[in-house]
Amino acid sequence: MLKNGLLFFLVVSWVFLVNGNFDDRVLLSYEQYGLMLFVLVGLLVTMVFSDWMFSLKILLLPFFIGYLFLVSMFFGGDVSSLAKVIAFSLVVLLASFCASKMSVEAFLKAIVVSLFLLLSFNILLANFSTGIGLEEGKFAGDWKGVFDQKNALGRLSALLMVSATLLFISSKELAVKLCCFLVFVAAVFVVLNSGSRTGFATGMLISFLAFFFHMSYTVLNDPKVNGKLFVSILVLEGFIVVAILLFNAQAVALHTGNDGISVFGKFISLTGRLTIWEYALQQLHGVHLWLGYGLDNLWTMDHFITLGPIEGMGDFYPEDSHNGYVDILAQGGVLGAIIYFVFFAALMMAAYRAKLDAVEFVVFFTFICFFLVSNITESYTTKSTNIVNFIFVYLSAFVFLKEAKQRDGFLFKAPNVKSMKRFAFRSRTQERN
């Protein structure tokens, strides 16, 4: 019981810290990363004193990051990016540990508790310490709370909207449902005040999809329904909708900081993202098309000096592509994209085989959609200390583990300190005999 409570507290603390970079007036970056390291150590200590296991398939993610690092070294990248490989691998290991020890519902509760505490802190700061809690300059007056920019607060609100909706669906207690509804309203209130249109749109869309997946699970488990036909129709309808949207979309104000797309004549601002995506894709030629530039090796000042600045963006130099899929290509090329696609295909196959229950099914597919949609305007696929990627890795590890248990798959049982001590004691006893 004590171990479960400690693990819940550590997960809540981790989620609290990895939602975004804090404003230096709230917490300096080295202080924030120091606290994150402290929580990581706590999780590691808990891990080495526990019996747990994971599916070897989850190791495809560290393999992917390791590949990006090797490509980076091949093209003269900074060896310091090895720290990111280690951090990413540790996070995969710890998320796998959480998947082994925490149910999906318990993990969901940890997310809601942590994000609501953080949201409440942001509301207080935005209203009573406006010098810190509000944006200045171009977005003056928008809420940013404890973070260094408003998009982080928008992401927090969107995640809380989705998490509260999922807990509302999965819980059978009326009191919990009421609390989830109030939390959802608070998250909507904050995202509107942050001015994050992408956060609001993502939160509403994915919350709607949560109810859709809930109904889909009921339909798929009806013996009178042909499940494969039902899924095929849904996929076909989704493909048609996306095709219609793409066919009626066109780029607007490219090579400016106010670019975007027009869909059926309705302008959707992307604040320079289209220009950044075009720049990144234009650099993929020759060997870089196949191998990419390596881990964090394209968005460096040396490359901007060599390749030139981004047309129309002035002295703005991004640290990533602001698109997870473009980032995979920019860092890993076609080969990196194939590796990541293999991982994702294996994940979908595992979800099909794992026989997920109602809560697991709805939470998994809802957050997968959140991950996929969020990566259109942000880059989370190669981030190590990021809440969106952490949730994605946890759910991936959970599904792979459940599949492996049911189908006698490749499982690794991690030894703990107690078992190693027993093994050492037995070895010494045998030597004496």
Protein backbone atom coordinates (compact mmCIF):
# COMPACT_ATOMS: atom_id res chain seq x y z
CA MET A 1 0.00 0.00 0.00
CA LEU A 2 2.83 2.36 0.94
CA LYS A 3 4.66 1.59 -2.31
CA ASN A 4 1.53 2.30 -4.36
CA GLY A 5 1.01 5.62 -2.57
CA LEU A 6 4.64 6.59 -3.11
CA LEU A 7 4.49 5.69 -6.80
CA PHE A 8 1.28 7.72 -7.21
CA PHE A 9 2.93 10.74 -5.54
CA LEU A 10 6.06 10.45 -7.70
CA VAL A 11 4.03 10.18 -10.93
CA VAL A 12 1.95 13.23 -9.88
CA SER A 13 5.18 15.15 -9.17
CA TRP A 14 6.72 14.13 -12.50
CA VAL A 15 3.63 15.15 -14.50
CA PHE A 16 3.57 18.47 -12.59
CA LEU A 17 7.15 19.26 -13.62
CA VAL A 18 7.27 18.10 -17.26
CA ASN A 19 4.35 20.05 -18.70
CA GLY A 20 6.60 22.90 -19.89
CA ASN A 21 9.45 25.26 -19.03
CA PHE A 22 8.66 27.47 -16.04
CA ASP A 23 9.14 31.23 -16.05
CA ASP A 24 12.53 32.03 -14.48
CA ARG A 25 10.78 34.22 -11.92
CA VAL A 26 8.86 31.17 -10.72
CA LEU A 27 11.54 28.52 -11.01
CA LEU A 28 14.92 28.73 -12.68
CA SER A 29 15.58 26.10 -15.34
CA TYR A 30 18.33 24.41 -13.32
CA GLU A 31 15.97 24.30 -10.31
CA GLN A 32 13.21 22.74 -12.40
CA TYR A 33 15.54 20.14 -13.89
CA GLY A 34 17.00 19.53 -10.44
CA LEU A 35 13.54 18.72 -9.09
CA MET A 36 12.89 16.50 -12.10
CA LEU A 37 16.15 14.65 -11.39
CA PHE A 38 15.10 14.26 -7.75
CA VAL A 39 11.78 12.69 -8.81
CA LEU A 40 13.59 10.46 -11.33
CA VAL A 41 15.89 9.20 -8.60
CA GLY A 42 12.85 8.51 -6.41
CA LEU A 43 11.25 6.52 -9.22
CA LEU A 44 14.49 4.62 -9.84
CA VAL A 45 14.80 3.71 -6.15
CA THR A 46 11.18 2.53 -6.11
CA MET A 47 11.87 0.56 -9.26
CA VAL A 48 14.92 -1.33 -7.98
CA PHE A 49 13.03 -2.43 -4.86
CA SER A 50 10.02 -3.74 -6.83
CA ASP A 51 9.18 -6.76 -8.93
CA TRP A 52 8.16 -5.64 -12.38
CA MET A 53 8.39 -6.57 -16.06
CA PHE A 54 8.13 -5.06 -19.51
CA SER A 55 7.77 -6.16 -23.12
CA LEU A 56 10.96 -5.97 -25.15
CA LYS A 57 9.02 -4.26 -27.95
CA ILE A 58 9.07 -0.97 -26.02
CA LEU A 59 12.87 -0.91 -26.53
CA LEU A 60 12.23 0.14 -30.15
CA LEU A 61 11.87 3.71 -28.86
CA PRO A 62 15.35 3.93 -27.25
CA PHE A 63 16.68 2.19 -30.37
CA PHE A 64 15.11 4.94 -32.51
CA ILE A 65 16.66 7.71 -30.38
CA GLY A 66 20.00 5.90 -30.40
CA TYR A 67 19.85 5.76 -34.20
CA LEU A 68 19.25 9.52 -34.33
CA PHE A 69 22.26 10.06 -32.07
CA LEU A 70 24.54 7.94 -34.29
CA VAL A 71 23.39 9.89 -37.36
CA SER A 72 24.14 13.11 -35.50
CA MET A 73 27.68 11.91 -34.70
CA PHE A 74 28.18 10.88 -38.33
CA PHE A 75 27.40 14.43 -39.44
CA GLY A 76 29.55 16.12 -36.81
CA GLY A 77 26.88 16.71 -34.17
CA ASP A 78 27.46 17.61 -30.54
CA VAL A 79 28.28 14.65 -28.29
CA SER A 80 26.30 16.35 -25.52
CA SER A 81 23.12 15.03 -27.18
CA LEU A 82 24.08 11.68 -25.63
CA ALA A 83 22.57 13.07 -22.42
CA LYS A 84 19.21 13.25 -24.21
CA VAL A 85 19.54 9.62 -25.33
CA ILE A 86 20.17 8.57 -21.73
CA ALA A 87 17.31 10.74 -20.42
CA PHE A 88 14.91 9.40 -23.07
CA SER A 89 15.89 5.80 -22.35
CA LEU A 90 15.41 6.36 -18.60
CA VAL A 91 11.97 7.86 -19.18
CA VAL A 92 11.01 4.84 -21.33
CA LEU A 93 12.22 2.54 -18.55
CA LEU A 94 10.32 4.45 -15.86
CA ALA A 95 7.14 4.70 -17.94
CA SER A 96 7.40 0.93 -18.46
CA PHE A 97 7.74 0.48 -14.69
CA CYS A 98 4.60 2.60 -14.16
CA ALA A 99 2.79 0.50 -16.78
CA SER A 100 3.72 -2.65 -14.85
CA LYS A 101 2.65 -1.32 -11.43
CA MET A 102 -0.24 1.09 -12.16
CA SER A 103 -3.57 0.41 -13.82
CA VAL A 104 -4.73 2.77 -16.56
CA GLU A 105 -7.40 4.22 -14.26
CA ALA A 106 -4.88 4.87 -11.46
CA PHE A 107 -2.52 6.52 -13.94
CA LEU A 108 -5.39 8.63 -15.27
CA LYS A 109 -6.26 9.80 -11.75
CA ALA A 110 -2.62 10.78 -11.19
CA ILE A 111 -2.69 12.90 -14.35
CA VAL A 112 -5.94 14.65 -13.39
CA VAL A 113 -4.79 15.38 -9.83
CA SER A 114 -1.41 16.72 -10.96
CA LEU A 115 -2.72 18.83 -13.84
CA PHE A 116 -5.55 20.29 -11.76
CA LEU A 117 -3.11 21.34 -9.02
CA LEU A 118 -0.92 22.97 -11.67
CA LEU A 119 -3.95 24.60 -13.30
CA SER A 120 -5.08 26.07 -9.98
CA PHE A 121 -1.62 27.52 -9.41
CA ASN A 122 -1.76 29.08 -12.89
CA ILE A 123 -5.17 30.67 -12.23
CA LEU A 124 -3.89 32.27 -9.01
CA LEU A 125 -0.73 33.54 -10.68
CA ALA A 126 -2.55 34.98 -13.71
CA ASN A 127 -4.97 36.91 -11.49
CA PHE A 128 -2.84 37.98 -8.54
CA SER A 129 0.64 38.26 -10.07
CA THR A 130 -0.04 39.65 -13.52
CA GLY A 131 3.58 40.66 -14.06
CA ILE A 132 4.48 36.98 -14.19
CA GLY A 133 1.22 35.30 -15.14
CA LEU A 134 0.38 37.35 -18.25
CA GLU A 135 2.07 37.53 -21.64
CA GLU A 136 3.79 40.66 -22.87
CA GLY A 137 4.51 41.97 -26.37
CA LYS A 138 2.61 40.46 -29.30
CA PHE A 139 0.28 38.39 -27.10
CA ALA A 140 -0.02 40.90 -24.25
CA GLY A 141 -2.78 40.06 -21.79
CA ASP A 142 -3.01 36.34 -22.59
CA TRP A 143 -2.53 34.02 -19.63
CA LYS A 144 0.72 32.08 -19.46
CA GLY A 145 0.75 31.34 -15.74
CA VAL A 146 3.91 29.73 -14.39
CA PHE A 147 5.25 28.95 -17.85
CA ASP A 148 7.60 30.89 -20.11
CA GLN A 149 4.96 31.11 -22.89
CA LYS A 150 1.22 30.67 -23.28
CA ASN A 151 1.31 27.55 -25.49
CA ALA A 152 2.48 25.49 -22.51
CA LEU A 153 -0.58 26.62 -20.55
CA GLY A 154 -2.77 25.83 -23.56
CA ARG A 155 -1.30 22.32 -23.72
CA LEU A 156 -1.87 21.83 -19.98
CA SER A 157 -5.51 22.91 -20.31
CA ALA A 158 -6.12 20.70 -23.36
CA LEU A 159 -4.61 17.68 -21.59
CA LEU A 160 -6.73 18.33 -18.51
CA MET A 161 -9.89 18.67 -20.63
CA VAL A 162 -9.19 15.28 -22.19
CA SER A 163 -8.10 13.59 -18.93
CA ALA A 164 -11.15 14.88 -17.03
CA THR A 165 -13.43 13.63 -19.82
CA LEU A 166 -11.82 10.19 -19.72
CA LEU A 167 -12.12 9.96 -15.93
CA PHE A 168 -15.75 11.11 -16.21
CA ILE A 169 -16.43 8.25 -18.64
CA SER A 170 -14.49 5.57 -16.74
CA SER A 171 -15.63 6.33 -13.18
CA LYS A 172 -18.87 4.88 -11.78
CA GLU A 173 -18.98 7.26 -8.78
CA LEU A 174 -21.29 10.25 -9.12
CA ALA A 175 -19.03 12.46 -6.97
CA VAL A 176 -16.05 11.76 -9.21
CA LYS A 177 -18.11 12.52 -12.32
CA LEU A 178 -19.21 15.86 -10.84
CA CYS A 179 -15.63 16.77 -9.95
CA CYS A 180 -14.48 15.84 -13.46
CA PHE A 181 -17.16 18.07 -14.98
CA LEU A 182 -16.05 21.03 -12.84
CA VAL A 183 -12.40 20.37 -13.69
CA PHE A 184 -13.30 20.31 -17.39
CA VAL A 185 -15.08 23.69 -17.09
CA ALA A 186 -12.04 25.16 -15.29
CA ALA A 187 -9.70 23.86 -18.01
CA VAL A 188 -11.88 25.41 -20.74
CA PHE A 189 -11.89 28.71 -18.83
CA VAL A 190 -8.09 28.73 -18.64
CA VAL A 191 -7.44 27.70 -22.26
CA LEU A 192 -9.75 30.48 -23.48
CA ASN A 193 -7.89 33.04 -21.36
CA SER A 194 -4.55 31.75 -22.62
CA GLY A 195 -5.59 32.59 -26.18
CA SER A 196 -4.31 29.19 -27.34
CA ARG A 197 -6.60 28.36 -30.25
CA THR A 198 -4.79 25.09 -30.97
CA GLY A 199 -5.09 24.08 -27.31
CA PHE A 200 -8.83 24.76 -27.24
CA ALA A 201 -9.45 23.04 -30.59
CA THR A 202 -7.36 20.00 -29.62
CA GLY A 203 -8.97 19.69 -26.19
CA MET A 204 -12.53 19.88 -27.56
CA LEU A 205 -11.87 17.57 -30.51
CA ILE A 206 -10.18 14.85 -28.47
CA SER A 207 -12.76 15.09 -25.67
CA PHE A 208 -15.45 14.46 -28.28
CA LEU A 209 -13.43 11.51 -29.60
CA ALA A 210 -13.30 10.06 -26.06
CA PHE A 211 -17.10 9.70 -26.10
CA PHE A 212 -16.89 8.35 -29.64
CA PHE A 213 -14.42 5.63 -28.59
CA HIS A 214 -16.60 4.82 -25.58
CA MET A 215 -19.57 4.19 -27.88
CA SER A 216 -17.37 2.34 -30.39
CA TYR A 217 -16.21 -0.10 -27.70
CA THR A 218 -19.85 -0.90 -26.88
CA VAL A 219 -20.64 -1.48 -30.55
CA LEU A 220 -17.55 -3.62 -31.17
CA ASN A 221 -18.43 -5.88 -28.25
CA ASP A 222 -21.94 -6.46 -29.54
CA PRO A 223 -21.97 -10.03 -30.94
CA LYS A 224 -24.44 -8.92 -33.60
CA VAL A 225 -21.94 -6.43 -35.08
CA ASN A 226 -19.25 -7.33 -37.60
CA GLY A 227 -16.28 -5.64 -35.89
CA LYS A 228 -13.93 -5.70 -38.86
CA LEU A 229 -16.57 -4.21 -41.14
CA PHE A 230 -17.40 -1.52 -38.57
CA VAL A 231 -13.74 -0.50 -38.19
CA SER A 232 -13.20 -0.55 -41.96
CA ILE A 233 -16.15 1.81 -42.48
CA LEU A 234 -14.85 4.18 -39.79
CA VAL A 235 -11.36 4.23 -41.33
CA LEU A 236 -12.80 4.86 -44.79
CA GLU A 237 -14.99 7.70 -43.51
CA GLY A 238 -12.03 9.24 -41.69
CA PHE A 239 -9.91 8.99 -44.83
CA ILE A 240 -12.63 10.69 -46.90
CA VAL A 241 -13.00 13.55 -44.39
CA VAL A 242 -9.22 14.15 -44.28
CA ALA A 243 -8.99 14.00 -48.09
CA ILE A 244 -11.80 16.56 -48.47
CA LEU A 245 -10.14 18.90 -45.98
CA LEU A 246 -6.74 18.61 -47.67
CA PHE A 247 -8.23 19.07 -51.14
CA ASN A 248 -9.91 22.31 -50.01
CA ALA A 249 -6.92 23.66 -48.06
CA GLN A 250 -4.33 26.08 -49.35
CA ALA A 251 -1.33 27.83 -47.84
CA VAL A 252 -1.70 31.51 -46.96
CA ALA A 253 0.99 34.14 -46.26
CA LEU A 254 3.87 31.66 -46.61
CA HIS A 255 7.32 32.96 -45.59
CA THR A 256 5.89 35.20 -42.88
CA GLY A 257 5.34 34.86 -39.16
CA ASN A 258 1.57 34.95 -39.76
CA ASP A 259 1.24 32.08 -42.22
CA GLY A 260 -1.54 29.52 -42.07
CA ILE A 261 -4.01 27.58 -44.16
CA SER A 262 -7.38 28.43 -45.62
CA VAL A 263 -9.98 25.64 -45.46
CA PHE A 264 -13.25 26.36 -47.27
CA GLY A 265 -12.28 30.03 -47.12
CA LYS A 266 -11.76 29.97 -43.33
CA PHE A 267 -8.25 31.10 -42.32
CA ILE A 268 -6.45 29.05 -39.66
CA SER A 269 -3.30 30.75 -38.38
CA LEU A 270 -0.18 28.62 -37.90
CA THR A 271 2.03 31.56 -36.78
CA GLY A 272 4.99 30.71 -39.02
CA ARG A 273 4.84 26.93 -38.73
CA LEU A 274 4.22 26.32 -42.44
CA THR A 275 7.34 28.32 -43.25
CA ILE A 276 9.39 26.31 -40.74
CA TRP A 277 8.09 22.99 -42.15
CA GLU A 278 8.96 24.04 -45.69
CA TYR A 279 12.47 25.07 -44.62
CA ALA A 280 13.08 21.74 -42.84
CA LEU A 281 11.85 19.64 -45.76
CA GLN A 282 13.93 21.66 -48.25
CA GLN A 283 17.09 20.59 -46.38
CA LEU A 284 16.34 16.91 -47.01
CA HIS A 285 18.32 16.06 -50.11
CA GLY A 286 21.13 13.68 -50.95
CA VAL A 287 22.21 11.48 -48.05
CA HIS A 288 20.19 13.62 -45.62
CA LEU A 289 16.98 12.49 -47.31
CA TRP A 290 17.71 8.93 -46.23
CA LEU A 291 19.50 9.50 -42.92
CA GLY A 292 18.35 12.95 -41.79
CA TYR A 293 20.63 15.26 -39.79
CA GLY A 294 20.59 13.40 -36.50
CA LEU A 295 19.33 14.15 -33.02
CA ASP A 296 18.79 17.91 -32.58
CA ASN A 297 21.43 18.48 -35.26
CA LEU A 298 19.48 20.51 -37.84
CA TRP A 299 18.26 23.34 -35.62
CA THR A 300 21.69 24.65 -34.60
CA MET A 301 23.21 28.05 -35.18
CA ASP A 302 26.04 26.47 -37.18
CA HIS A 303 23.52 25.04 -39.63
CA PHE A 304 21.63 28.31 -39.86
CA ILE A 305 24.92 30.03 -40.72
CA THR A 306 25.72 27.35 -43.33
CA LEU A 307 22.24 26.90 -44.81
CA GLY A 308 20.99 30.41 -44.28
CA PRO A 309 18.11 31.76 -42.15
CA ILE A 310 14.47 30.85 -42.67
CA GLU A 311 12.98 33.10 -45.33
CA GLY A 312 10.53 35.59 -43.89
CA MET A 313 11.24 34.71 -40.24
CA GLY A 314 13.84 37.40 -39.57
CA ASP A 315 16.13 36.54 -36.67
CA PHE A 316 13.86 33.80 -35.32
CA TYR A 317 15.70 30.48 -35.06
CA PRO A 318 13.48 27.58 -33.89
CA GLU A 319 14.76 24.71 -31.79
CA ASP A 320 12.60 22.12 -33.58
CA SER A 321 10.23 21.77 -36.52
CA HIS A 322 7.06 22.48 -34.54
CA ASN A 323 5.75 19.29 -36.15
CA GLY A 324 6.57 15.83 -34.81
CA TYR A 325 6.37 14.14 -38.21
CA VAL A 326 8.59 16.70 -39.95
CA ASP A 327 10.99 16.36 -37.02
CA ILE A 328 11.25 12.59 -37.53
CA LEU A 329 12.20 13.18 -41.17
CA ALA A 330 14.55 16.06 -40.38
CA GLN A 331 16.41 14.08 -37.72
CA GLY A 332 16.15 10.52 -39.03
CA GLY A 333 15.34 10.79 -42.75
CA VAL A 334 13.40 8.07 -44.54
CA LEU A 335 15.13 5.33 -42.53
CA GLY A 336 14.18 7.00 -39.24
CA ALA A 337 10.59 7.37 -40.42
CA ILE A 338 10.49 3.65 -41.26
CA ILE A 339 11.75 2.72 -37.77
CA TYR A 340 9.14 4.91 -36.11
CA PHE A 341 6.40 3.58 -38.39
CA VAL A 342 7.37 -0.01 -37.51
CA PHE A 343 7.06 0.86 -33.81
CA PHE A 344 3.65 2.46 -34.31
CA ALA A 345 2.39 -0.42 -36.47
CA ALA A 346 3.54 -2.90 -33.79
CA LEU A 347 1.70 -0.81 -31.19
CA MET A 348 -1.57 -0.88 -33.14
CA MET A 349 -1.24 -4.62 -33.66
CA ALA A 350 -0.60 -5.09 -29.93
CA ALA A 351 -3.69 -3.01 -29.08
CA TYR A 352 -5.73 -5.29 -31.33
CA ARG A 353 -4.36 -8.45 -29.70
CA ALA A 354 -4.29 -7.28 -26.08
CA LYS A 355 -8.07 -7.55 -25.49
CA LEU A 356 -8.28 -4.20 -23.70
CA ASP A 357 -11.18 -3.64 -21.34
CA ALA A 358 -13.52 -0.65 -21.73
CA VAL A 359 -11.45 1.86 -19.74
CA GLU A 360 -8.15 0.76 -21.28
CA PHE A 361 -9.59 0.87 -24.81
CA VAL A 362 -11.05 4.38 -24.47
CA VAL A 363 -8.03 5.87 -22.69
CA PHE A 364 -5.52 4.30 -25.07
CA PHE A 365 -7.15 5.36 -28.33
CA THR A 366 -8.11 8.80 -27.00
CA PHE A 367 -4.58 9.64 -25.93
CA ILE A 368 -3.14 8.15 -29.12
CA CYS A 369 -5.35 10.60 -31.04
CA PHE A 370 -4.19 13.42 -28.75
CA PHE A 371 -0.58 12.48 -29.46
CA LEU A 372 -1.14 12.32 -33.23
CA VAL A 373 -3.09 15.59 -33.42
CA SER A 374 -0.73 17.48 -31.10
CA ASN A 375 2.26 16.52 -33.22
CA ILE A 376 0.79 18.41 -36.17
CA THR A 377 1.62 21.77 -34.59
CA GLU A 378 4.17 20.75 -31.94
CA SER A 379 7.10 18.35 -31.86
CA TYR A 380 6.84 15.69 -29.14
CA THR A 381 8.11 12.56 -30.89
CA THR A 382 11.74 12.93 -29.80
CA LYS A 383 11.25 14.87 -26.55
CA SER A 384 12.51 13.10 -23.42
CA THR A 385 11.05 15.23 -20.59
CA ASN A 386 7.63 16.03 -22.00
CA ILE A 387 4.24 15.09 -20.58
CA VAL A 388 2.62 14.21 -23.93
CA ASN A 389 5.40 11.81 -24.87
CA PHE A 390 5.49 10.37 -21.32
CA ILE A 391 1.78 9.48 -21.50
CA PHE A 392 2.32 8.00 -24.97
CA VAL A 393 5.23 5.85 -23.74
CA TYR A 394 3.28 4.70 -20.66
CA LEU A 395 0.30 3.57 -22.76
CA SER A 396 2.61 1.91 -25.32
CA ALA A 397 4.39 0.00 -22.56
CA PHE A 398 1.06 -0.96 -20.97
CA VAL A 399 -0.41 -2.33 -24.21
CA PHE A 400 2.78 -4.20 -25.17
CA LEU A 401 2.94 -5.72 -21.67
CA LYS A 402 -0.71 -6.83 -21.71
CA GLU A 403 -0.27 -8.35 -25.17
CA ALA A 404 2.87 -10.21 -24.11
CA LYS A 405 1.19 -11.63 -20.97
CA GLN A 406 -1.78 -12.93 -22.95
CA ARG A 407 0.20 -14.35 -25.86
CA ASP A 408 3.39 -15.51 -24.11
CA GLY A 409 5.40 -12.78 -25.82
CA PHE A 410 8.90 -11.48 -25.13
CA LEU A 411 8.87 -10.32 -21.49
CA PHE A 412 11.81 -9.11 -19.44
CA LYS A 413 11.45 -9.58 -15.70
CA ALA A 414 13.56 -6.91 -14.04
CA PRO A 415 15.48 -8.17 -10.99
CA ASN A 416 15.08 -6.18 -7.78
CA VAL A 417 17.54 -5.65 -4.94
CA LYS A 418 15.97 -8.33 -2.75
CA SER A 419 16.14 -11.00 -5.45
CA MET A 420 19.76 -10.11 -6.22
CA LYS A 421 20.63 -10.42 -2.53
CA ARG A 422 18.95 -13.84 -2.36
CA PHE A 423 20.86 -14.92 -5.48
CA ALA A 424 24.17 -13.73 -3.99
CA PHE A 425 23.41 -15.52 -0.71
CA ARG A 426 22.62 -18.78 -2.54
CA SER A 427 25.85 -18.46 -4.59
CA ARG A 428 27.98 -18.00 -1.46
CA THR A 429 26.27 -20.99 0.23
CA GLN A 430 26.96 -23.20 -2.79
CA GLU A 431 30.64 -22.13 -2.80
CA ARG A 432 31.02 -23.13 0.87
CA ASN A 433 29.48 -26.54 0.18
